[in-house]
Amino acid sequence: MSLVLRVVLVRYSKSQRTLLFKRAALPDDSKVDCKLFDEHHEDYKNMLGEARNALVIMIDYVVRLEANREVIAGKLVGFKGSNKRIP
């Protein structure tokens, strides 16, 4: 599951990078983008930090879910084994 999240994140970052390069090629749009970036620079830093924290938490959450699934599967096998009829 964490591999899927990593692939999605890589694709998203590549597409965002491509869009930034395309917009940088247009002079009017790049001026507007630079002004907006300067105005919201600190907000962008905070949002990036929050996104990184959420990604770390999500990866840990997925790892814990997978571990819990394995534990529950082991308990289920034990339960099924103890639930057999004795002839």
PDB file of N, CA and C in Angstrom:
ATOM      1  N   MET A   1       0.820  -1.187   0.000  1.00  0.00           N
ATOM      2  CA  MET A   1       0.000   0.000   0.000  1.00  0.00           C
ATOM      3  C   MET A   1       0.866   1.254   0.000  1.00  0.00           C
ATOM      4  N   SER A   2       1.942   1.267   0.767  1.00  0.00           N
ATOM      5  CA  SER A   2       2.801   2.441   0.805  1.00  0.00           C
ATOM      6  C   SER A   2       3.495   2.659  -0.535  1.00  0.00           C
ATOM      7  N   LEU A   3       3.723   1.587  -1.297  1.00  0.00           N
ATOM      8  CA  LEU A   3       4.306   1.728  -2.629  1.00  0.00           C
ATOM      9  C   LEU A   3       3.362   2.509  -3.531  1.00  0.00           C
ATOM     10  N   VAL A   4       2.081   2.236  -3.440  1.00  0.00           N
ATOM     11  CA  VAL A   4       1.087   2.955  -4.242  1.00  0.00           C
ATOM     12  C   VAL A   4       1.105   4.440  -3.893  1.00  0.00           C
ATOM     13  N   LEU A   5       1.182   4.753  -2.608  1.00  0.00           N
ATOM     14  CA  LEU A   5       1.225   6.155  -2.186  1.00  0.00           C
ATOM     15  C   LEU A   5       2.472   6.851  -2.709  1.00  0.00           C
ATOM     16  N   ARG A   6       3.589   6.147  -2.690  1.00  0.00           N
ATOM     17  CA  ARG A   6       4.829   6.741  -3.204  1.00  0.00           C
ATOM     18  C   ARG A   6       4.726   7.014  -4.693  1.00  0.00           C
ATOM     19  N   VAL A   7       4.150   6.067  -5.450  1.00  0.00           N
ATOM     20  CA  VAL A   7       4.001   6.244  -6.897  1.00  0.00           C
ATOM     21  C   VAL A   7       3.099   7.436  -7.189  1.00  0.00           C
ATOM     22  N   VAL A   8       2.000   7.549  -6.452  1.00  0.00           N
ATOM     23  CA  VAL A   8       1.083   8.675  -6.654  1.00  0.00           C
ATOM     24  C   VAL A   8       1.782   9.993  -6.342  1.00  0.00           C
ATOM     25  N   LEU A   9       2.556  10.035  -5.270  1.00  0.00           N
ATOM     26  CA  LEU A   9       3.271  11.252  -4.899  1.00  0.00           C
ATOM     27  C   LEU A   9       4.296  11.634  -5.963  1.00  0.00           C
ATOM     28  N   VAL A  10       5.015  10.658  -6.503  1.00  0.00           N
ATOM     29  CA  VAL A  10       6.005  10.935  -7.547  1.00  0.00           C
ATOM     30  C   VAL A  10       5.316  11.476  -8.791  1.00  0.00           C
ATOM     31  N   ARG A  11       4.216  10.844  -9.202  1.00  0.00           N
ATOM     32  CA  ARG A  11       3.485  11.328 -10.380  1.00  0.00           C
ATOM     33  C   ARG A  11       2.979  12.745 -10.170  1.00  0.00           C
ATOM     34  N   TYR A  12       2.437  13.003  -8.995  1.00  0.00           N
ATOM     35  CA  TYR A  12       1.910  14.334  -8.704  1.00  0.00           C
ATOM     36  C   TYR A  12       3.020  15.381  -8.743  1.00  0.00           C
ATOM     37  N   SER A  13       4.160  15.080  -8.134  1.00  0.00           N
ATOM     38  CA  SER A  13       5.252  16.054  -8.114  1.00  0.00           C
ATOM     39  C   SER A  13       5.794  16.297  -9.518  1.00  0.00           C
ATOM     40  N   LYS A  14       5.854  15.240 -10.360  1.00  0.00           N
ATOM     41  CA  LYS A  14       6.308  15.428 -11.743  1.00  0.00           C
ATOM     42  C   LYS A  14       5.342  16.308 -12.521  1.00  0.00           C
ATOM     43  N   SER A  15       4.052  16.077 -12.354  1.00  0.00           N
ATOM     44  CA  SER A  15       3.076  16.887 -13.087  1.00  0.00           C
ATOM     45  C   SER A  15       3.114  18.337 -12.619  1.00  0.00           C
ATOM     46  N   GLN A  16       3.282  18.560 -11.316  1.00  0.00           N
ATOM     47  CA  GLN A  16       3.368  19.927 -10.808  1.00  0.00           C
ATOM     48  C   GLN A  16       4.623  20.623 -11.327  1.00  0.00           C
ATOM     49  N   ARG A  17       5.721  19.899 -11.391  1.00  0.00           N
ATOM     50  CA  ARG A  17       6.965  20.466 -11.909  1.00  0.00           C
ATOM     51  C   ARG A  17       6.800  20.851 -13.373  1.00  0.00           C
ATOM     52  N   THR A  18       6.150  19.978 -14.157  1.00  0.00           N
ATOM     53  CA  THR A  18       5.923  20.254 -15.574  1.00  0.00           C
ATOM     54  C   THR A  18       5.060  21.493 -15.746  1.00  0.00           C
ATOM     55  N   LEU A  19       4.014  21.606 -14.953  1.00  0.00           N
ATOM     56  CA  LEU A  19       3.156  22.786 -15.039  1.00  0.00           C
ATOM     57  C   LEU A  19       3.919  24.061 -14.689  1.00  0.00           C
ATOM     58  N   LEU A  20       4.786  23.989 -13.692  1.00  0.00           N
ATOM     59  CA  LEU A  20       5.576  25.168 -13.328  1.00  0.00           C
ATOM     60  C   LEU A  20       6.504  25.585 -14.462  1.00  0.00           C
ATOM     61  N   PHE A  21       7.135  24.621 -15.129  1.00  0.00           N
ATOM     62  CA  PHE A  21       8.022  24.944 -16.245  1.00  0.00           C
ATOM     63  C   PHE A  21       7.245  25.546 -17.407  1.00  0.00           C
ATOM     64  N   LYS A  22       6.054  25.011 -17.675  1.00  0.00           N
ATOM     65  CA  LYS A  22       5.238  25.560 -18.765  1.00  0.00           C
ATOM     66  C   LYS A  22       4.822  26.993 -18.460  1.00  0.00           C
ATOM     67  N   ARG A  23       4.406  27.239 -17.227  1.00  0.00           N
ATOM     68  CA  ARG A  23       3.980  28.594 -16.868  1.00  0.00           C
ATOM     69  C   ARG A  23       5.165  29.561 -16.834  1.00  0.00           C
ATOM     70  N   ALA A  24       6.341  29.072 -16.500  1.00  0.00           N
ATOM     71  CA  ALA A  24       7.522  29.937 -16.459  1.00  0.00           C
ATOM     72  C   ALA A  24       7.896  30.416 -17.852  1.00  0.00           C
ATOM     73  N   ALA A  25       7.522  29.647 -18.885  1.00  0.00           N
ATOM     74  CA  ALA A  25       7.836  30.027 -20.259  1.00  0.00           C
ATOM     75  C   ALA A  25       6.977  31.204 -20.727  1.00  0.00           C
ATOM     76  N   LEU A  26       5.847  31.436 -20.103  1.00  0.00           N
ATOM     77  CA  LEU A  26       4.964  32.544 -20.470  1.00  0.00           C
ATOM     78  C   LEU A  26       5.276  33.739 -19.569  1.00  0.00           C
ATOM     79  N   PRO A  27       5.807  34.839 -20.132  1.00  0.00           N
ATOM     80  CA  PRO A  27       6.291  35.941 -19.294  1.00  0.00           C
ATOM     81  C   PRO A  27       5.216  36.589 -18.418  1.00  0.00           C
ATOM     82  N   ASP A  28       4.033  36.821 -18.955  1.00  0.00           N
ATOM     83  CA  ASP A  28       2.991  37.469 -18.147  1.00  0.00           C
ATOM     84  C   ASP A  28       2.565  36.583 -16.988  1.00  0.00           C
ATOM     85  N   ASP A  29       2.368  35.311 -17.294  1.00  0.00           N
ATOM     86  CA  ASP A  29       1.960  34.384 -16.242  1.00  0.00           C
ATOM     87  C   ASP A  29       3.054  34.209 -15.196  1.00  0.00           C
ATOM     88  N   SER A  30       4.314  34.225 -15.642  1.00  0.00           N
ATOM     89  CA  SER A  30       5.391  34.026 -14.673  1.00  0.00           C
ATOM     90  C   SER A  30       5.489  35.214 -13.716  1.00  0.00           C
ATOM     91  N   LYS A  31       5.211  36.433 -14.204  1.00  0.00           N
ATOM     92  CA  LYS A  31       5.222  37.599 -13.311  1.00  0.00           C
ATOM     93  C   LYS A  31       4.126  37.478 -12.254  1.00  0.00           C
ATOM     94  N   VAL A  32       2.946  37.061 -12.705  1.00  0.00           N
ATOM     95  CA  VAL A  32       1.827  36.890 -11.770  1.00  0.00           C
ATOM     96  C   VAL A  32       2.158  35.801 -10.759  1.00  0.00           C
ATOM     97  N   ASP A  33       2.720  34.692 -11.262  1.00  0.00           N
ATOM     98  CA  ASP A  33       3.076  33.594 -10.368  1.00  0.00           C
ATOM     99  C   ASP A  33       4.125  34.019  -9.349  1.00  0.00           C
ATOM    100  N   CYS A  34       5.117  34.781  -9.789  1.00  0.00           N
ATOM    101  CA  CYS A  34       6.165  35.236  -8.868  1.00  0.00           C
ATOM    102  C   CYS A  34       5.581  36.141  -7.788  1.00  0.00           C
ATOM    103  N   LYS A  35       4.670  37.033  -8.192  1.00  0.00           N
ATOM    104  CA  LYS A  35       4.052  37.923  -7.212  1.00  0.00           C
ATOM    105  C   LYS A  35       3.235  37.118  -6.202  1.00  0.00           C
ATOM    106  N   LEU A  36       2.438  36.171  -6.704  1.00  0.00           N
ATOM    107  CA  LEU A  36       1.637  35.336  -5.809  1.00  0.00           C
ATOM    108  C   LEU A  36       2.523  34.506  -4.891  1.00  0.00           C
ATOM    109  N   PHE A  37       3.619  33.971  -5.454  1.00  0.00           N
ATOM    110  CA  PHE A  37       4.525  33.160  -4.646  1.00  0.00           C
ATOM    111  C   PHE A  37       5.145  33.992  -3.535  1.00  0.00           C
ATOM    112  N   ASP A  38       5.571  35.198  -3.870  1.00  0.00           N
ATOM    113  CA  ASP A  38       6.164  36.065  -2.850  1.00  0.00           C
ATOM    114  C   ASP A  38       5.160  36.397  -1.747  1.00  0.00           C
ATOM    115  N   GLU A  39       3.895  36.617  -2.149  1.00  0.00           N
ATOM    116  CA  GLU A  39       2.872  36.966  -1.165  1.00  0.00           C
ATOM    117  C   GLU A  39       2.553  35.799  -0.232  1.00  0.00           C
ATOM    118  N   HIS A  40       2.602  34.590  -0.763  1.00  0.00           N
ATOM    119  CA  HIS A  40       2.159  33.423   0.005  1.00  0.00           C
ATOM    120  C   HIS A  40       3.292  32.454   0.332  1.00  0.00           C
ATOM    121  N   HIS A  41       4.523  32.922   0.288  1.00  0.00           N
ATOM    122  CA  HIS A  41       5.688  32.050   0.472  1.00  0.00           C
ATOM    123  C   HIS A  41       5.640  31.291   1.804  1.00  0.00           C
ATOM    124  N   GLU A  42       5.362  31.986   2.876  1.00  0.00           N
ATOM    125  CA  GLU A  42       5.347  31.340   4.200  1.00  0.00           C
ATOM    126  C   GLU A  42       4.209  30.327   4.304  1.00  0.00           C
ATOM    127  N   ASP A  43       3.051  30.679   3.722  1.00  0.00           N
ATOM    128  CA  ASP A  43       1.926  29.740   3.723  1.00  0.00           C
ATOM    129  C   ASP A  43       2.280  28.464   2.973  1.00  0.00           C
ATOM    130  N   TYR A  44       2.977  28.622   1.846  1.00  0.00           N
ATOM    131  CA  TYR A  44       3.367  27.446   1.063  1.00  0.00           C
ATOM    132  C   TYR A  44       4.325  26.558   1.845  1.00  0.00           C
ATOM    133  N   LYS A  45       5.249  27.188   2.567  1.00  0.00           N
ATOM    134  CA  LYS A  45       6.180  26.406   3.386  1.00  0.00           C
ATOM    135  C   LYS A  45       5.428  25.610   4.450  1.00  0.00           C
ATOM    136  N   ASN A  46       4.474  26.270   5.101  1.00  0.00           N
ATOM    137  CA  ASN A  46       3.695  25.592   6.139  1.00  0.00           C
ATOM    138  C   ASN A  46       2.870  24.452   5.560  1.00  0.00           C
ATOM    139  N   MET A  47       2.249  24.690   4.403  1.00  0.00           N
ATOM    140  CA  MET A  47       1.440  23.644   3.770  1.00  0.00           C
ATOM    141  C   MET A  47       2.309  22.460   3.358  1.00  0.00           C
ATOM    142  N   LEU A  48       3.510  22.742   2.858  1.00  0.00           N
ATOM    143  CA  LEU A  48       4.420  21.669   2.472  1.00  0.00           C
ATOM    144  C   LEU A  48       4.833  20.850   3.688  1.00  0.00           C
ATOM    145  N   GLY A  49       5.121  21.515   4.793  1.00  0.00           N
ATOM    146  CA  GLY A  49       5.465  20.804   6.025  1.00  0.00           C
ATOM    147  C   GLY A  49       4.323  19.939   6.522  1.00  0.00           C
ATOM    148  N   GLU A  50       3.099  20.471   6.461  1.00  0.00           N
ATOM    149  CA  GLU A  50       1.934  19.688   6.876  1.00  0.00           C
ATOM    150  C   GLU A  50       1.730  18.477   5.974  1.00  0.00           C
ATOM    151  N   ALA A  51       1.936  18.661   4.666  1.00  0.00           N
ATOM    152  CA  ALA A  51       1.776  17.541   3.732  1.00  0.00           C
ATOM    153  C   ALA A  51       2.820  16.460   3.996  1.00  0.00           C
ATOM    154  N   ARG A  52       4.046  16.873   4.277  1.00  0.00           N
ATOM    155  CA  ARG A  52       5.092  15.884   4.584  1.00  0.00           C
ATOM    156  C   ARG A  52       4.767  15.122   5.865  1.00  0.00           C
ATOM    157  N   ASN A  53       4.297  15.831   6.871  1.00  0.00           N
ATOM    158  CA  ASN A  53       3.919  15.174   8.126  1.00  0.00           C
ATOM    159  C   ASN A  53       2.775  14.198   7.907  1.00  0.00           C
ATOM    160  N   ALA A  54       1.789  14.609   7.107  1.00  0.00           N
ATOM    161  CA  ALA A  54       0.651  13.730   6.822  1.00  0.00           C
ATOM    162  C   ALA A  54       1.107  12.491   6.071  1.00  0.00           C
ATOM    163  N   LEU A  55       2.058  12.655   5.157  1.00  0.00           N
ATOM    164  CA  LEU A  55       2.565  11.505   4.404  1.00  0.00           C
ATOM    165  C   LEU A  55       3.274  10.527   5.331  1.00  0.00           C
ATOM    166  N   VAL A  56       4.095  11.037   6.241  1.00  0.00           N
ATOM    167  CA  VAL A  56       4.798  10.171   7.191  1.00  0.00           C
ATOM    168  C   VAL A  56       3.795   9.436   8.074  1.00  0.00           C
ATOM    169  N   ILE A  57       2.798  10.172   8.553  1.00  0.00           N
ATOM    170  CA  ILE A  57       1.778   9.551   9.402  1.00  0.00           C
ATOM    171  C   ILE A  57       1.012   8.494   8.628  1.00  0.00           C
ATOM    172  N   MET A  58       0.685   8.792   7.358  1.00  0.00           N
ATOM    173  CA  MET A  58      -0.084   7.846   6.554  1.00  0.00           C
ATOM    174  C   MET A  58       0.709   6.568   6.305  1.00  0.00           C
ATOM    175  N   ILE A  59       1.993   6.707   6.016  1.00  0.00           N
ATOM    176  CA  ILE A  59       2.826   5.526   5.775  1.00  0.00           C
ATOM    177  C   ILE A  59       2.902   4.679   7.045  1.00  0.00           C
ATOM    178  N   ASP A  60       3.100   5.319   8.199  1.00  0.00           N
ATOM    179  CA  ASP A  60       3.118   4.581   9.470  1.00  0.00           C
ATOM    180  C   ASP A  60       1.783   3.903   9.735  1.00  0.00           C
ATOM    181  N   TYR A  61       0.702   4.597   9.418  1.00  0.00           N
ATOM    182  CA  TYR A  61      -0.639   4.040   9.622  1.00  0.00           C
ATOM    183  C   TYR A  61      -0.843   2.798   8.761  1.00  0.00           C
ATOM    184  N   VAL A  62      -0.405   2.862   7.501  1.00  0.00           N
ATOM    185  CA  VAL A  62      -0.546   1.712   6.603  1.00  0.00           C
ATOM    186  C   VAL A  62       0.286   0.541   7.106  1.00  0.00           C
ATOM    187  N   VAL A  63       1.491   0.808   7.588  1.00  0.00           N
ATOM    188  CA  VAL A  63       2.342  -0.259   8.122  1.00  0.00           C
ATOM    189  C   VAL A  63       1.680  -0.909   9.332  1.00  0.00           C
ATOM    190  N   ARG A  64       1.099  -0.089  10.215  1.00  0.00           N
ATOM    191  CA  ARG A  64       0.404  -0.650  11.384  1.00  0.00           C
ATOM    192  C   ARG A  64      -0.817  -1.463  10.972  1.00  0.00           C
ATOM    193  N   LEU A  65      -1.551  -0.984   9.970  1.00  0.00           N
ATOM    194  CA  LEU A  65      -2.711  -1.744   9.488  1.00  0.00           C
ATOM    195  C   LEU A  65      -2.300  -3.100   8.937  1.00  0.00           C
ATOM    196  N   GLU A  66      -1.216  -3.112   8.160  1.00  0.00           N
ATOM    197  CA  GLU A  66      -0.742  -4.381   7.602  1.00  0.00           C
ATOM    198  C   GLU A  66      -0.291  -5.328   8.712  1.00  0.00           C
ATOM    199  N   ALA A  67       0.384  -4.807   9.731  1.00  0.00           N
ATOM    200  CA  ALA A  67       0.816  -5.650  10.853  1.00  0.00           C
ATOM    201  C   ALA A  67      -0.392  -6.186  11.615  1.00  0.00           C
ATOM    202  N   ASN A  68      -1.382  -5.336  11.855  1.00  0.00           N
ATOM    203  CA  ASN A  68      -2.598  -5.783  12.542  1.00  0.00           C
ATOM    204  C   ASN A  68      -3.335  -6.839  11.730  1.00  0.00           C
ATOM    205  N   ARG A  69      -3.342  -6.665  10.418  1.00  0.00           N
ATOM    206  CA  ARG A  69      -4.004  -7.645   9.553  1.00  0.00           C
ATOM    207  C   ARG A  69      -3.334  -9.002   9.681  1.00  0.00           C
ATOM    208  N   GLU A  70      -2.004  -9.020   9.736  1.00  0.00           N
ATOM    209  CA  GLU A  70      -1.281 -10.285   9.882  1.00  0.00           C
ATOM    210  C   GLU A  70      -1.577 -10.927  11.237  1.00  0.00           C
ATOM    211  N   VAL A  71      -1.636 -10.129  12.292  1.00  0.00           N
ATOM    212  CA  VAL A  71      -1.938 -10.658  13.628  1.00  0.00           C
ATOM    213  C   VAL A  71      -3.342 -11.244  13.653  1.00  0.00           C
ATOM    214  N   ILE A  72      -4.297 -10.515  13.100  1.00  0.00           N
ATOM    215  CA  ILE A  72      -5.685 -10.988  13.083  1.00  0.00           C
ATOM    216  C   ILE A  72      -5.813 -12.245  12.231  1.00  0.00           C
ATOM    217  N   ALA A  73      -5.082 -12.305  11.108  1.00  0.00           N
ATOM    218  CA  ALA A  73      -5.119 -13.507  10.272  1.00  0.00           C
ATOM    219  C   ALA A  73      -4.568 -14.706  11.043  1.00  0.00           C
ATOM    220  N   GLY A  74      -3.503 -14.506  11.823  1.00  0.00           N
ATOM    221  CA  GLY A  74      -2.954 -15.587  12.645  1.00  0.00           C
ATOM    222  C   GLY A  74      -3.936 -16.043  13.706  1.00  0.00           C
ATOM    223  N   LYS A  75      -4.628 -15.093  14.336  1.00  0.00           N
ATOM    224  CA  LYS A  75      -5.634 -15.456  15.335  1.00  0.00           C
ATOM    225  C   LYS A  75      -6.790 -16.218  14.696  1.00  0.00           C
ATOM    226  N   LEU A  76      -7.168 -15.814  13.490  1.00  0.00           N
ATOM    227  CA  LEU A  76      -8.261 -16.487  12.794  1.00  0.00           C
ATOM    228  C   LEU A  76      -7.896 -17.924  12.465  1.00  0.00           C
ATOM    229  N   VAL A  77      -6.663 -18.142  12.019  1.00  0.00           N
ATOM    230  CA  VAL A  77      -6.210 -19.506  11.730  1.00  0.00           C
ATOM    231  C   VAL A  77      -6.231 -20.335  13.011  1.00  0.00           C
ATOM    232  N   GLY A  78      -5.758 -19.771  14.113  1.00  0.00           N
ATOM    233  CA  GLY A  78      -5.788 -20.483  15.394  1.00  0.00           C
ATOM    234  C   GLY A  78      -7.203 -20.775  15.848  1.00  0.00           C
ATOM    235  N   PHE A  79      -8.095 -19.834  15.654  1.00  0.00           N
ATOM    236  CA  PHE A  79      -9.495 -20.025  16.039  1.00  0.00           C
ATOM    237  C   PHE A  79     -10.147 -21.122  15.202  1.00  0.00           C
ATOM    238  N   LYS A  80      -9.881 -21.100  13.902  1.00  0.00           N
ATOM    239  CA  LYS A  80     -10.447 -22.139  13.035  1.00  0.00           C
ATOM    240  C   LYS A  80      -9.903 -23.509  13.420  1.00  0.00           C
ATOM    241  N   GLY A  81      -8.614 -23.557  13.765  1.00  0.00           N
ATOM    242  CA  GLY A  81      -8.008 -24.828  14.161  1.00  0.00           C
ATOM    243  C   GLY A  81      -8.580 -25.357  15.463  1.00  0.00           C
ATOM    244  N   SER A  82      -8.889 -24.489  16.396  1.00  0.00           N
ATOM    245  CA  SER A  82      -9.427 -24.940  17.678  1.00  0.00           C
ATOM    246  C   SER A  82     -10.929 -25.217  17.606  1.00  0.00           C
ATOM    247  N   ASN A  83     -11.544 -24.830  16.534  1.00  0.00           N
ATOM    248  CA  ASN A  83     -12.984 -24.977  16.395  1.00  0.00           C
ATOM    249  C   ASN A  83     -13.378 -26.265  15.660  1.00  0.00           C
ATOM    250  N   LYS A  84     -12.398 -27.120  15.364  1.00  0.00           N
ATOM    251  CA  LYS A  84     -12.697 -28.372  14.653  1.00  0.00           C
ATOM    252  C   LYS A  84     -13.367 -29.359  15.602  1.00  0.00           C
ATOM    253  N   ARG A  85     -14.231 -30.161  15.043  1.00  0.00           N
ATOM    254  CA  ARG A  85     -14.911 -31.179  15.858  1.00  0.00           C
ATOM    255  C   ARG A  85     -13.969 -32.331  16.166  1.00  0.00           C
ATOM    256  N   ILE A  86     -14.106 -32.845  17.355  1.00  0.00           N
ATOM    257  CA  ILE A  86     -13.304 -34.002  17.757  1.00  0.00           C
ATOM    258  C   ILE A  86     -14.160 -35.242  17.533  1.00  0.00           C
ATOM    259  N   PRO A  87     -13.632 -36.213  16.741  1.00  0.00           N
ATOM    260  CA  PRO A  87     -14.447 -37.410  16.455  1.00  0.00           C
ATOM    261  C   PRO A  87     -14.638 -38.319  17.649  1.00  0.00           C
TER     262      PRO A  87
END
